[in-house]
């Protein structure tokens, strides 16, 4: 079964990693390598840094646009000035994040909304005073 572009594979090849696009330069991209994958990249490219210059696979050219901040699968190999090639794009990030190979640095959660330390709004203050003054209204009302 051949995978469609944008669908997450079951597993990545040994020389493939998930990268984040930092800058788009036509058919070449500056990408950020997650810290957890940097050792694997340095096995292939000993002098590699956290940012690489990769090209876009010919089968993806003129078909897909990868915006800055988007994610892609890059095959790491030295090709002249390029240090790899984008072989797949991450379409539905939620689907990709469920995969075991997705870097922890790129995981996003909604937990941040629960941990914000904001002052109470006026509505919350009024609600607290209503509780103090009298009886609380039930959260669920049954109609007969």
C-alpha atoms as a PDB file:
ATOM      1  CA  UNK A   1       0.000   0.000   0.000  1.00  0.00           C
ATOM      2  CA  UNK A   2       1.498   3.308  -1.098  1.00  0.00           C
ATOM      3  CA  UNK A   3       1.151   6.233   1.284  1.00  0.00           C
ATOM      4  CA  UNK A   4      -0.301   9.493   0.074  1.00  0.00           C
ATOM      5  CA  UNK A   5       1.657  12.684   0.600  1.00  0.00           C
ATOM      6  CA  UNK A   6       0.619  14.232   3.914  1.00  0.00           C
ATOM      7  CA  UNK A   7      -0.262  10.919   5.585  1.00  0.00           C
ATOM      8  CA  UNK A   8       1.985   9.757   8.429  1.00  0.00           C
ATOM      9  CA  UNK A   9       3.914   6.541   7.706  1.00  0.00           C
ATOM     10  CA  UNK A  10       3.909   3.705  10.211  1.00  0.00           C
ATOM     11  CA  UNK A  11       7.573   4.410  10.970  1.00  0.00           C
ATOM     12  CA  UNK A  12      10.357   6.617   9.620  1.00  0.00           C
ATOM     13  CA  UNK A  13      13.464   5.327   7.863  1.00  0.00           C
ATOM     14  CA  UNK A  14      16.771   5.483   9.751  1.00  0.00           C
ATOM     15  CA  UNK A  15      17.916   8.648   7.951  1.00  0.00           C
ATOM     16  CA  UNK A  16      14.535  10.453   8.105  1.00  0.00           C
ATOM     17  CA  UNK A  17      13.519  12.997  10.733  1.00  0.00           C
ATOM     18  CA  UNK A  18      10.656  15.418  11.338  1.00  0.00           C
ATOM     19  CA  UNK A  19      11.786  19.022  10.852  1.00  0.00           C
ATOM     20  CA  UNK A  20      10.186  22.435  11.313  1.00  0.00           C
ATOM     21  CA  UNK A  21      10.400  24.903   8.403  1.00  0.00           C
ATOM     22  CA  UNK A  22      12.123  28.136   9.441  1.00  0.00           C
ATOM     23  CA  UNK A  23      12.483  29.842   6.056  1.00  0.00           C
ATOM     24  CA  UNK A  24      11.157  29.121   2.577  1.00  0.00           C
ATOM     25  CA  UNK A  25      13.465  29.842  -0.370  1.00  0.00           C
ATOM     26  CA  UNK A  26      11.519  28.452  -3.319  1.00  0.00           C
ATOM     27  CA  UNK A  27      12.495  24.794  -3.672  1.00  0.00           C
ATOM     28  CA  UNK A  28      14.951  24.939  -0.772  1.00  0.00           C
ATOM     29  CA  UNK A  29      14.132  25.399   2.892  1.00  0.00           C
ATOM     30  CA  UNK A  30      15.959  26.263   6.067  1.00  0.00           C
ATOM     31  CA  UNK A  31      14.673  23.789   8.647  1.00  0.00           C
ATOM     32  CA  UNK A  32      15.093  23.338  12.387  1.00  0.00           C
ATOM     33  CA  UNK A  33      16.178  19.930  13.669  1.00  0.00           C
ATOM     34  CA  UNK A  34      14.702  18.924  17.060  1.00  0.00           C
ATOM     35  CA  UNK A  35      17.351  18.512  19.761  1.00  0.00           C
ATOM     36  CA  UNK A  36      16.300  14.890  20.296  1.00  0.00           C
ATOM     37  CA  UNK A  37      17.250  14.042  16.677  1.00  0.00           C
ATOM     38  CA  UNK A  38      20.475  16.042  16.432  1.00  0.00           C
ATOM     39  CA  UNK A  39      22.686  13.050  17.309  1.00  0.00           C
ATOM     40  CA  UNK A  40      21.164  10.988  14.475  1.00  0.00           C
ATOM     41  CA  UNK A  41      21.765  13.850  12.042  1.00  0.00           C
ATOM     42  CA  UNK A  42      25.394  14.191  13.166  1.00  0.00           C
ATOM     43  CA  UNK A  43      26.002  10.502  12.383  1.00  0.00           C
ATOM     44  CA  UNK A  44      25.328  11.330   8.719  1.00  0.00           C
ATOM     45  CA  UNK A  45      26.522  14.981   8.725  1.00  0.00           C
ATOM     46  CA  UNK A  46      29.206  15.360  11.422  1.00  0.00           C
ATOM     47  CA  UNK A  47      29.305  19.177  11.268  1.00  0.00           C
ATOM     48  CA  UNK A  48      25.522  19.676  11.281  1.00  0.00           C
ATOM     49  CA  UNK A  49      23.935  22.354  13.451  1.00  0.00           C
ATOM     50  CA  UNK A  50      20.331  22.760  14.600  1.00  0.00           C
ATOM     51  CA  UNK A  51      19.417  24.323  11.240  1.00  0.00           C
ATOM     52  CA  UNK A  52      19.842  22.587   7.894  1.00  0.00           C
ATOM     53  CA  UNK A  53      19.337  23.584   4.277  1.00  0.00           C
ATOM     54  CA  UNK A  54      17.184  20.996   2.501  1.00  0.00           C
ATOM     55  CA  UNK A  55      15.647  20.737  -0.945  1.00  0.00           C
ATOM     56  CA  UNK A  56      12.133  19.797  -1.950  1.00  0.00           C
ATOM     57  CA  UNK A  57      11.671  16.392  -3.557  1.00  0.00           C
ATOM     58  CA  UNK A  58      10.888  16.662  -7.301  1.00  0.00           C
ATOM     59  CA  UNK A  59       7.584  14.810  -6.797  1.00  0.00           C
ATOM     60  CA  UNK A  60       6.442  17.540  -4.373  1.00  0.00           C
ATOM     61  CA  UNK A  61       7.503  20.562  -6.429  1.00  0.00           C
ATOM     62  CA  UNK A  62       4.695  22.767  -7.729  1.00  0.00           C
ATOM     63  CA  UNK A  63       2.170  20.621  -5.835  1.00  0.00           C
ATOM     64  CA  UNK A  64       2.601  21.540  -2.169  1.00  0.00           C
ATOM     65  CA  UNK A  65       3.352  24.757  -0.336  1.00  0.00           C
ATOM     66  CA  UNK A  66       5.009  24.436   3.046  1.00  0.00           C
ATOM     67  CA  UNK A  67       4.647  27.581   5.085  1.00  0.00           C
ATOM     68  CA  UNK A  68       7.039  28.825   7.747  1.00  0.00           C
ATOM     69  CA  UNK A  69       6.367  26.946  10.988  1.00  0.00           C
ATOM     70  CA  UNK A  70       5.063  23.899   9.118  1.00  0.00           C
ATOM     71  CA  UNK A  71       6.442  20.393   9.603  1.00  0.00           C
ATOM     72  CA  UNK A  72       7.923  17.987   7.081  1.00  0.00           C
ATOM     73  CA  UNK A  73       9.848  14.727   6.861  1.00  0.00           C
ATOM     74  CA  UNK A  74      13.412  15.249   5.680  1.00  0.00           C
ATOM     75  CA  UNK A  75      15.784  12.577   4.428  1.00  0.00           C
ATOM     76  CA  UNK A  76      19.244  13.527   5.707  1.00  0.00           C
ATOM     77  CA  UNK A  77      22.092  13.186   3.188  1.00  0.00           C
ATOM     78  CA  UNK A  78      24.772  15.510   1.814  1.00  0.00           C
ATOM     79  CA  UNK A  79      23.945  16.696  -1.729  1.00  0.00           C
ATOM     80  CA  UNK A  80      26.280  19.528  -2.692  1.00  0.00           C
ATOM     81  CA  UNK A  81      25.154  22.565  -0.705  1.00  0.00           C
ATOM     82  CA  UNK A  82      22.005  20.804   0.468  1.00  0.00           C
ATOM     83  CA  UNK A  83      22.011  18.634   3.581  1.00  0.00           C
ATOM     84  CA  UNK A  84      18.857  16.694   2.839  1.00  0.00           C
ATOM     85  CA  UNK A  85      15.577  16.495   0.961  1.00  0.00           C
ATOM     86  CA  UNK A  86      11.960  16.926   2.043  1.00  0.00           C
ATOM     87  CA  UNK A  87      10.245  13.657   1.190  1.00  0.00           C
ATOM     88  CA  UNK A  88       6.848  14.184   2.860  1.00  0.00           C
ATOM     89  CA  UNK A  89       4.829  17.018   4.351  1.00  0.00           C
ATOM     90  CA  UNK A  90       2.893  16.830   7.603  1.00  0.00           C
ATOM     91  CA  UNK A  91      -0.695  17.473   6.590  1.00  0.00           C
ATOM     92  CA  UNK A  92      -2.919  16.979   9.632  1.00  0.00           C
ATOM     93  CA  UNK A  93      -0.601  17.734  12.566  1.00  0.00           C
ATOM     94  CA  UNK A  94      -2.920  16.079  15.084  1.00  0.00           C
ATOM     95  CA  UNK A  95      -2.656  12.798  13.191  1.00  0.00           C
ATOM     96  CA  UNK A  96       1.137  13.072  12.957  1.00  0.00           C
ATOM     97  CA  UNK A  97       1.531  13.952  16.663  1.00  0.00           C
ATOM     98  CA  UNK A  98      -0.031  10.625  17.620  1.00  0.00           C
ATOM     99  CA  UNK A  99       2.882   8.761  16.008  1.00  0.00           C
ATOM    100  CA  UNK A 100       5.643   7.409  18.260  1.00  0.00           C
ATOM    101  CA  UNK A 101       8.395   9.074  16.202  1.00  0.00           C
ATOM    102  CA  UNK A 102       6.971  12.624  16.567  1.00  0.00           C
ATOM    103  CA  UNK A 103       9.572  14.706  18.501  1.00  0.00           C
ATOM    104  CA  UNK A 104       8.508  15.716  22.007  1.00  0.00           C
ATOM    105  CA  UNK A 105       9.750  19.256  21.328  1.00  0.00           C
ATOM    106  CA  UNK A 106       7.030  19.682  18.711  1.00  0.00           C
ATOM    107  CA  UNK A 107       4.116  18.297  20.734  1.00  0.00           C
ATOM    108  CA  UNK A 108       1.366  20.843  21.383  1.00  0.00           C
ATOM    109  CA  UNK A 109      -1.283  20.590  24.057  1.00  0.00           C
ATOM    110  CA  UNK A 110      -4.144  22.702  25.301  1.00  0.00           C
ATOM    111  CA  UNK A 111      -2.953  22.323  28.884  1.00  0.00           C
ATOM    112  CA  UNK A 112      -1.497  25.826  28.796  1.00  0.00           C
ATOM    113  CA  UNK A 113      -4.970  27.320  28.996  1.00  0.00           C
ATOM    114  CA  UNK A 114      -5.619  25.691  32.367  1.00  0.00           C
ATOM    115  CA  UNK A 115      -2.374  26.895  33.902  1.00  0.00           C
ATOM    116  CA  UNK A 116      -2.623  30.597  33.070  1.00  0.00           C
ATOM    117  CA  UNK A 117      -2.402  32.711  36.189  1.00  0.00           C
ATOM    118  CA  UNK A 118      -4.803  35.530  35.357  1.00  0.00           C
ATOM    119  CA  UNK A 119      -6.605  37.839  37.742  1.00  0.00           C
ATOM    120  CA  UNK A 120     -10.342  37.130  38.103  1.00  0.00           C
ATOM    121  CA  UNK A 121     -12.586  38.933  35.669  1.00  0.00           C
ATOM    122  CA  UNK A 122     -15.470  41.146  36.790  1.00  0.00           C
ATOM    123  CA  UNK A 123     -17.947  38.333  36.093  1.00  0.00           C
ATOM    124  CA  UNK A 124     -16.074  35.945  38.379  1.00  0.00           C
ATOM    125  CA  UNK A 125     -15.986  38.564  41.133  1.00  0.00           C
ATOM    126  CA  UNK A 126     -19.751  39.115  40.835  1.00  0.00           C
ATOM    127  CA  UNK A 127     -20.363  35.371  40.921  1.00  0.00           C
ATOM    128  CA  UNK A 128     -18.364  35.030  44.119  1.00  0.00           C
ATOM    129  CA  UNK A 129     -20.363  37.798  45.800  1.00  0.00           C
ATOM    130  CA  UNK A 130     -23.654  36.176  44.711  1.00  0.00           C
ATOM    131  CA  UNK A 131     -22.578  32.948  46.387  1.00  0.00           C
ATOM    132  CA  UNK A 132     -21.811  34.776  49.588  1.00  0.00           C
ATOM    133  CA  UNK A 133     -25.135  36.652  49.623  1.00  0.00           C
ATOM    134  CA  UNK A 134     -27.555  33.820  49.123  1.00  0.00           C
ATOM    135  CA  UNK A 135     -28.308  30.392  47.791  1.00  0.00           C
ATOM    136  CA  UNK A 136     -26.493  28.974  44.839  1.00  0.00           C
ATOM    137  CA  UNK A 137     -28.484  28.070  41.720  1.00  0.00           C
ATOM    138  CA  UNK A 138     -28.174  24.391  40.757  1.00  0.00           C
ATOM    139  CA  UNK A 139     -25.983  23.689  37.707  1.00  0.00           C
ATOM    140  CA  UNK A 140     -28.672  21.438  36.196  1.00  0.00           C
ATOM    141  CA  UNK A 141     -32.378  22.137  36.314  1.00  0.00           C
ATOM    142  CA  UNK A 142     -34.934  19.427  35.578  1.00  0.00           C
ATOM    143  CA  UNK A 143     -38.145  20.445  33.881  1.00  0.00           C
ATOM    144  CA  UNK A 144     -41.262  18.460  34.710  1.00  0.00           C
END
